[in-house]
């Protein structure tokens, strides 16, 4: 048996309605299976120290699995401390188009908004 378990604990992140719509569109357009979820995390790198991980992926051992507005979220336990309270939004304006991250744990962010320091 795998160590992947769905938790009833409140997810450490939230998604805006715009982000949910765009994620569902991408999932449908790319024929992503129901087994896959949206991996949200961090990795070392980027101009401010950490960069965000965001993409559909198969569950892995030691993932925590959450349901956020009907989207299955996959997250490694160690990443939650950096992402607690973060909101993911979808922007579709003249100057910006893409996912944006509103992270209250970030002490500094870069100009592109895709990396941060904590």
N, C-alpha and C. Protein backbone atom coordinates (compact mmCIF):
# COMPACT_ATOMS: atom_id res chain seq x y z
N UNK A 1 0.84 -1.19 0.00
CA UNK A 1 0.00 0.00 0.00
C UNK A 1 0.88 1.24 0.00
N UNK A 2 0.44 2.24 -0.69
CA UNK A 2 1.20 3.48 -0.75
C UNK A 2 0.88 4.34 0.46
N UNK A 3 1.76 5.31 0.72
CA UNK A 3 1.58 6.19 1.87
C UNK A 3 0.79 7.43 1.51
N UNK A 4 0.18 7.48 0.32
CA UNK A 4 -0.61 8.63 -0.10
C UNK A 4 -1.96 8.56 0.60
N UNK A 5 -2.32 9.66 1.23
CA UNK A 5 -3.60 9.67 1.94
C UNK A 5 -4.27 11.01 1.72
N UNK A 6 -5.57 10.96 1.56
CA UNK A 6 -6.32 12.21 1.45
C UNK A 6 -6.64 12.68 2.85
N UNK A 7 -6.45 13.95 3.08
CA UNK A 7 -6.65 14.49 4.41
C UNK A 7 -7.90 15.36 4.44
N UNK A 8 -8.57 15.39 5.57
CA UNK A 8 -9.71 16.26 5.76
C UNK A 8 -9.31 17.59 6.39
N UNK A 9 -8.01 17.74 6.63
CA UNK A 9 -7.49 18.97 7.21
C UNK A 9 -7.61 20.08 6.16
N UNK A 10 -7.90 21.29 6.63
CA UNK A 10 -8.01 22.43 5.72
C UNK A 10 -6.70 22.59 4.94
N UNK A 11 -6.84 22.79 3.66
CA UNK A 11 -5.67 22.95 2.80
C UNK A 11 -4.89 24.20 3.17
N UNK A 12 -3.57 24.15 3.08
CA UNK A 12 -2.76 25.32 3.42
C UNK A 12 -2.85 26.44 2.39
N UNK A 13 -3.41 26.16 1.21
CA UNK A 13 -3.51 27.17 0.17
C UNK A 13 -4.96 27.35 -0.25
N UNK A 14 -5.23 28.43 -0.99
CA UNK A 14 -6.56 28.62 -1.57
C UNK A 14 -6.40 28.99 -3.04
N UNK A 15 -7.48 28.79 -3.79
CA UNK A 15 -7.53 29.12 -5.21
C UNK A 15 -8.67 30.10 -5.44
N UNK A 16 -8.43 31.13 -6.23
CA UNK A 16 -9.52 32.04 -6.57
C UNK A 16 -10.41 31.35 -7.61
N UNK A 17 -11.60 31.90 -7.81
CA UNK A 17 -12.51 31.35 -8.82
C UNK A 17 -11.87 31.37 -10.21
N UNK A 18 -11.12 32.42 -10.51
CA UNK A 18 -10.44 32.51 -11.80
C UNK A 18 -9.40 31.42 -11.97
N UNK A 19 -8.65 31.12 -10.91
CA UNK A 19 -7.65 30.06 -10.97
C UNK A 19 -8.32 28.71 -11.16
N UNK A 20 -9.42 28.47 -10.46
CA UNK A 20 -10.14 27.19 -10.59
C UNK A 20 -10.63 27.03 -12.03
N UNK A 21 -11.23 28.06 -12.60
CA UNK A 21 -11.72 27.99 -13.99
C UNK A 21 -10.59 27.66 -14.96
N UNK A 22 -9.45 28.32 -14.80
CA UNK A 22 -8.32 28.10 -15.71
C UNK A 22 -7.73 26.71 -15.52
N UNK A 23 -7.62 26.25 -14.28
CA UNK A 23 -7.09 24.90 -14.03
C UNK A 23 -8.00 23.83 -14.61
N UNK A 24 -9.31 24.00 -14.47
CA UNK A 24 -10.25 23.04 -15.05
C UNK A 24 -10.17 23.06 -16.58
N UNK A 25 -9.99 24.25 -17.16
CA UNK A 25 -9.85 24.36 -18.61
C UNK A 25 -8.59 23.62 -19.09
N UNK A 26 -7.48 23.84 -18.41
CA UNK A 26 -6.21 23.19 -18.76
C UNK A 26 -6.35 21.67 -18.62
N UNK A 27 -6.94 21.24 -17.52
CA UNK A 27 -7.10 19.81 -17.26
C UNK A 27 -7.92 19.16 -18.37
N UNK A 28 -8.99 19.81 -18.78
CA UNK A 28 -9.84 19.29 -19.84
C UNK A 28 -9.13 19.33 -21.19
N UNK A 29 -8.50 20.45 -21.50
CA UNK A 29 -7.82 20.64 -22.78
C UNK A 29 -6.69 19.64 -22.98
N UNK A 30 -5.98 19.30 -21.90
CA UNK A 30 -4.84 18.40 -21.99
C UNK A 30 -5.19 16.96 -21.61
N UNK A 31 -6.49 16.69 -21.44
CA UNK A 31 -6.98 15.34 -21.11
C UNK A 31 -6.23 14.74 -19.92
N UNK A 32 -6.11 15.49 -18.85
CA UNK A 32 -5.41 15.03 -17.64
C UNK A 32 -6.36 14.13 -16.85
N UNK A 33 -5.87 12.96 -16.47
CA UNK A 33 -6.72 11.97 -15.81
C UNK A 33 -7.11 12.40 -14.41
N UNK A 34 -8.17 11.78 -13.91
CA UNK A 34 -8.66 12.06 -12.55
C UNK A 34 -7.65 11.62 -11.49
N UNK A 35 -6.75 10.70 -11.83
CA UNK A 35 -5.73 10.24 -10.88
C UNK A 35 -4.73 11.36 -10.56
N UNK A 36 -4.51 12.24 -11.52
CA UNK A 36 -3.55 13.32 -11.34
C UNK A 36 -4.15 14.46 -10.52
N UNK A 37 -3.29 15.19 -9.86
CA UNK A 37 -3.70 16.36 -9.10
C UNK A 37 -2.77 17.51 -9.42
N UNK A 38 -3.07 18.65 -8.88
CA UNK A 38 -2.24 19.84 -9.07
C UNK A 38 -1.16 19.85 -7.99
N UNK A 39 0.08 19.68 -8.41
CA UNK A 39 1.20 19.74 -7.46
C UNK A 39 1.53 21.20 -7.20
N UNK A 40 1.51 21.56 -5.92
CA UNK A 40 1.88 22.91 -5.47
C UNK A 40 3.02 22.73 -4.49
N UNK A 41 4.10 23.46 -4.72
CA UNK A 41 5.25 23.33 -3.83
C UNK A 41 6.27 24.42 -4.08
N UNK A 42 7.45 24.20 -3.53
CA UNK A 42 8.56 25.13 -3.69
C UNK A 42 9.81 24.33 -4.01
N UNK A 43 10.76 25.01 -4.65
CA UNK A 43 12.07 24.41 -4.87
C UNK A 43 13.10 25.51 -4.76
N UNK A 44 14.31 25.13 -4.41
CA UNK A 44 15.39 26.10 -4.31
C UNK A 44 15.69 26.67 -5.68
N UNK A 45 15.99 27.95 -5.72
CA UNK A 45 16.32 28.59 -6.98
C UNK A 45 15.50 29.83 -7.20
N UNK A 46 15.61 30.39 -8.36
CA UNK A 46 14.92 31.64 -8.63
C UNK A 46 15.74 32.79 -8.11
N UNK A 47 15.40 33.98 -8.51
CA UNK A 47 16.21 35.14 -8.15
C UNK A 47 16.06 35.55 -6.69
N UNK A 48 15.06 35.00 -5.97
CA UNK A 48 14.88 35.37 -4.57
C UNK A 48 15.11 34.22 -3.60
N UNK A 49 15.52 33.06 -4.07
CA UNK A 49 15.84 31.95 -3.16
C UNK A 49 14.98 30.72 -3.36
N UNK A 50 13.66 30.88 -3.50
CA UNK A 50 12.75 29.77 -3.76
C UNK A 50 11.91 30.11 -4.97
N UNK A 51 11.52 29.09 -5.72
CA UNK A 51 10.54 29.31 -6.78
C UNK A 51 9.39 28.33 -6.58
N UNK A 52 8.27 28.68 -7.13
CA UNK A 52 7.06 27.88 -6.95
C UNK A 52 7.01 26.72 -7.94
N UNK A 53 6.43 25.63 -7.49
CA UNK A 53 6.12 24.48 -8.33
C UNK A 53 4.60 24.48 -8.52
N UNK A 54 4.15 24.42 -9.76
CA UNK A 54 2.72 24.39 -10.05
C UNK A 54 2.53 23.62 -11.34
N UNK A 55 1.90 22.45 -11.25
CA UNK A 55 1.65 21.66 -12.44
C UNK A 55 0.94 20.37 -12.09
N UNK A 56 0.25 19.80 -13.05
CA UNK A 56 -0.44 18.54 -12.81
C UNK A 56 0.56 17.40 -12.74
N UNK A 57 0.33 16.46 -11.81
CA UNK A 57 1.29 15.40 -11.53
C UNK A 57 0.54 14.22 -10.93
N UNK A 58 1.16 13.06 -10.98
CA UNK A 58 0.63 11.88 -10.30
C UNK A 58 1.01 11.96 -8.83
N UNK A 59 0.15 11.46 -7.95
CA UNK A 59 0.50 11.47 -6.53
C UNK A 59 1.77 10.67 -6.26
N UNK A 60 2.53 11.12 -5.29
CA UNK A 60 3.76 10.44 -4.88
C UNK A 60 3.66 10.07 -3.41
N UNK A 61 4.49 9.13 -3.03
CA UNK A 61 4.54 8.73 -1.63
C UNK A 61 4.86 9.96 -0.78
N UNK A 62 4.23 10.05 0.36
CA UNK A 62 4.41 11.15 1.32
C UNK A 62 3.73 12.46 0.90
N UNK A 63 2.92 12.44 -0.16
CA UNK A 63 2.13 13.62 -0.50
C UNK A 63 0.96 13.74 0.47
N UNK A 64 0.63 14.96 0.82
CA UNK A 64 -0.66 15.24 1.43
C UNK A 64 -1.57 15.62 0.28
N UNK A 65 -2.82 15.17 0.34
CA UNK A 65 -3.77 15.42 -0.73
C UNK A 65 -4.95 16.20 -0.15
N UNK A 66 -5.27 17.31 -0.79
CA UNK A 66 -6.36 18.17 -0.35
C UNK A 66 -7.34 18.37 -1.49
N UNK A 67 -8.57 18.71 -1.16
CA UNK A 67 -9.54 19.14 -2.15
C UNK A 67 -9.76 20.62 -1.93
N UNK A 68 -9.44 21.41 -2.95
CA UNK A 68 -9.64 22.85 -2.89
C UNK A 68 -10.55 23.24 -4.05
N UNK A 69 -11.78 23.56 -3.75
CA UNK A 69 -12.75 23.97 -4.76
C UNK A 69 -12.88 22.96 -5.89
N UNK A 70 -12.83 21.67 -5.55
CA UNK A 70 -12.96 20.62 -6.54
C UNK A 70 -11.68 20.25 -7.27
N UNK A 71 -10.58 20.89 -6.93
CA UNK A 71 -9.28 20.57 -7.53
C UNK A 71 -8.48 19.75 -6.52
N UNK A 72 -7.97 18.59 -6.96
CA UNK A 72 -7.12 17.77 -6.08
C UNK A 72 -5.75 18.42 -6.01
N UNK A 73 -5.33 18.81 -4.81
CA UNK A 73 -4.03 19.44 -4.59
C UNK A 73 -3.08 18.43 -3.97
N UNK A 74 -1.89 18.30 -4.54
CA UNK A 74 -0.84 17.43 -4.02
C UNK A 74 0.27 18.31 -3.46
N UNK A 75 0.71 18.00 -2.24
CA UNK A 75 1.75 18.82 -1.62
C UNK A 75 2.60 17.98 -0.68
N UNK A 76 3.91 18.12 -0.78
CA UNK A 76 4.81 17.48 0.17
C UNK A 76 4.68 18.20 1.51
N UNK A 77 4.69 17.44 2.60
CA UNK A 77 4.52 18.01 3.94
C UNK A 77 5.49 19.17 4.21
N UNK A 78 6.74 19.00 3.81
CA UNK A 78 7.76 20.00 4.11
C UNK A 78 7.51 21.33 3.41
N UNK A 79 6.70 21.35 2.36
CA UNK A 79 6.47 22.58 1.62
C UNK A 79 5.40 23.45 2.26
N UNK A 80 4.53 22.85 3.07
CA UNK A 80 3.39 23.59 3.64
C UNK A 80 3.83 24.79 4.47
N UNK A 81 4.95 24.69 5.16
CA UNK A 81 5.40 25.81 6.00
C UNK A 81 5.68 27.06 5.17
N UNK A 82 6.11 26.89 3.92
CA UNK A 82 6.40 28.02 3.05
C UNK A 82 5.16 28.54 2.32
N UNK A 83 4.10 27.73 2.30
CA UNK A 83 2.93 28.06 1.49
C UNK A 83 1.67 28.33 2.30
N UNK A 84 1.73 28.18 3.62
CA UNK A 84 0.56 28.34 4.47
C UNK A 84 -0.10 29.70 4.26
N UNK A 85 -1.37 29.69 3.88
CA UNK A 85 -2.12 30.92 3.67
C UNK A 85 -1.99 31.50 2.28
N UNK A 86 -1.24 30.85 1.38
CA UNK A 86 -1.03 31.38 0.04
C UNK A 86 -2.30 31.25 -0.81
N UNK A 87 -2.55 32.27 -1.62
CA UNK A 87 -3.65 32.26 -2.57
C UNK A 87 -3.08 32.24 -3.98
N UNK A 88 -3.59 31.32 -4.81
CA UNK A 88 -3.19 31.27 -6.22
C UNK A 88 -4.33 31.86 -7.03
N UNK A 89 -3.98 32.79 -7.91
CA UNK A 89 -4.96 33.49 -8.73
C UNK A 89 -4.57 33.34 -10.19
N UNK A 90 -5.51 33.60 -11.09
CA UNK A 90 -5.26 33.64 -12.53
C UNK A 90 -5.48 35.07 -12.99
N UNK A 91 -4.47 35.64 -13.63
CA UNK A 91 -4.56 37.00 -14.15
C UNK A 91 -4.61 36.94 -15.67
N UNK A 92 -5.51 37.71 -16.24
CA UNK A 92 -5.66 37.73 -17.68
C UNK A 92 -5.83 39.16 -18.15
N UNK A 93 -4.82 39.97 -17.84
CA UNK A 93 -4.89 41.39 -18.19
C UNK A 93 -3.92 41.75 -19.30
N UNK A 94 -3.85 43.04 -19.60
CA UNK A 94 -2.96 43.50 -20.65
C UNK A 94 -1.49 43.34 -20.28
N UNK A 95 -1.17 43.57 -19.02
CA UNK A 95 0.23 43.52 -18.58
C UNK A 95 0.65 42.15 -18.08
N UNK A 96 -0.28 41.39 -17.54
CA UNK A 96 0.05 40.07 -16.98
C UNK A 96 -0.97 39.05 -17.43
N UNK A 97 -0.49 37.87 -17.75
CA UNK A 97 -1.37 36.75 -18.03
C UNK A 97 -0.70 35.51 -17.47
N UNK A 98 -1.36 34.87 -16.52
CA UNK A 98 -0.80 33.67 -15.92
C UNK A 98 -1.20 33.56 -14.46
N UNK A 99 -0.69 32.54 -13.82
CA UNK A 99 -0.99 32.33 -12.41
C UNK A 99 -0.13 33.26 -11.58
N UNK A 100 -0.74 33.79 -10.52
CA UNK A 100 0.00 34.64 -9.59
C UNK A 100 -0.12 34.04 -8.20
N UNK A 101 0.86 34.32 -7.37
CA UNK A 101 0.96 33.74 -6.03
C UNK A 101 0.98 34.86 -5.00
N UNK A 102 -0.02 34.87 -4.13
CA UNK A 102 -0.08 35.84 -3.04
C UNK A 102 0.30 35.08 -1.78
N UNK A 103 1.58 35.17 -1.40
CA UNK A 103 2.13 34.36 -0.32
C UNK A 103 2.47 35.24 0.89
N UNK A 104 1.70 35.12 1.99
CA UNK A 104 1.97 35.95 3.17
C UNK A 104 3.27 35.58 3.88
N UNK A 105 3.88 34.44 3.53
CA UNK A 105 5.12 34.01 4.17
C UNK A 105 6.36 34.56 3.47
N UNK A 106 6.18 35.16 2.32
CA UNK A 106 7.31 35.67 1.55
C UNK A 106 7.79 36.99 2.15
N UNK A 107 9.06 37.01 2.55
CA UNK A 107 9.61 38.25 3.08
C UNK A 107 10.12 39.14 1.95
N UNK A 108 10.35 38.56 0.78
CA UNK A 108 10.80 39.32 -0.38
C UNK A 108 10.41 38.53 -1.62
N UNK A 109 10.03 39.22 -2.67
CA UNK A 109 9.70 38.56 -3.93
C UNK A 109 10.47 39.23 -5.04
N UNK A 110 10.56 38.53 -6.16
CA UNK A 110 11.23 39.10 -7.33
C UNK A 110 10.21 39.86 -8.17
N UNK A 111 10.67 40.53 -9.17
CA UNK A 111 9.80 41.30 -10.04
C UNK A 111 8.82 40.45 -10.82
N UNK A 112 9.21 39.21 -11.16
CA UNK A 112 8.32 38.37 -11.96
C UNK A 112 7.25 37.70 -11.10
N UNK A 113 7.41 37.69 -9.77
CA UNK A 113 6.43 37.10 -8.88
C UNK A 113 6.48 35.59 -8.80
N UNK A 114 7.49 34.97 -9.42
CA UNK A 114 7.59 33.52 -9.43
C UNK A 114 8.62 32.98 -8.46
N UNK A 115 9.32 33.86 -7.76
CA UNK A 115 10.23 33.38 -6.73
C UNK A 115 10.14 34.30 -5.51
N UNK A 116 10.61 33.77 -4.38
CA UNK A 116 10.46 34.51 -3.13
C UNK A 116 11.53 34.04 -2.14
N UNK A 117 11.69 34.81 -1.07
CA UNK A 117 12.50 34.38 0.07
C UNK A 117 11.62 34.38 1.29
N UNK A 118 11.95 33.50 2.24
CA UNK A 118 11.14 33.38 3.44
C UNK A 118 11.98 33.61 4.67
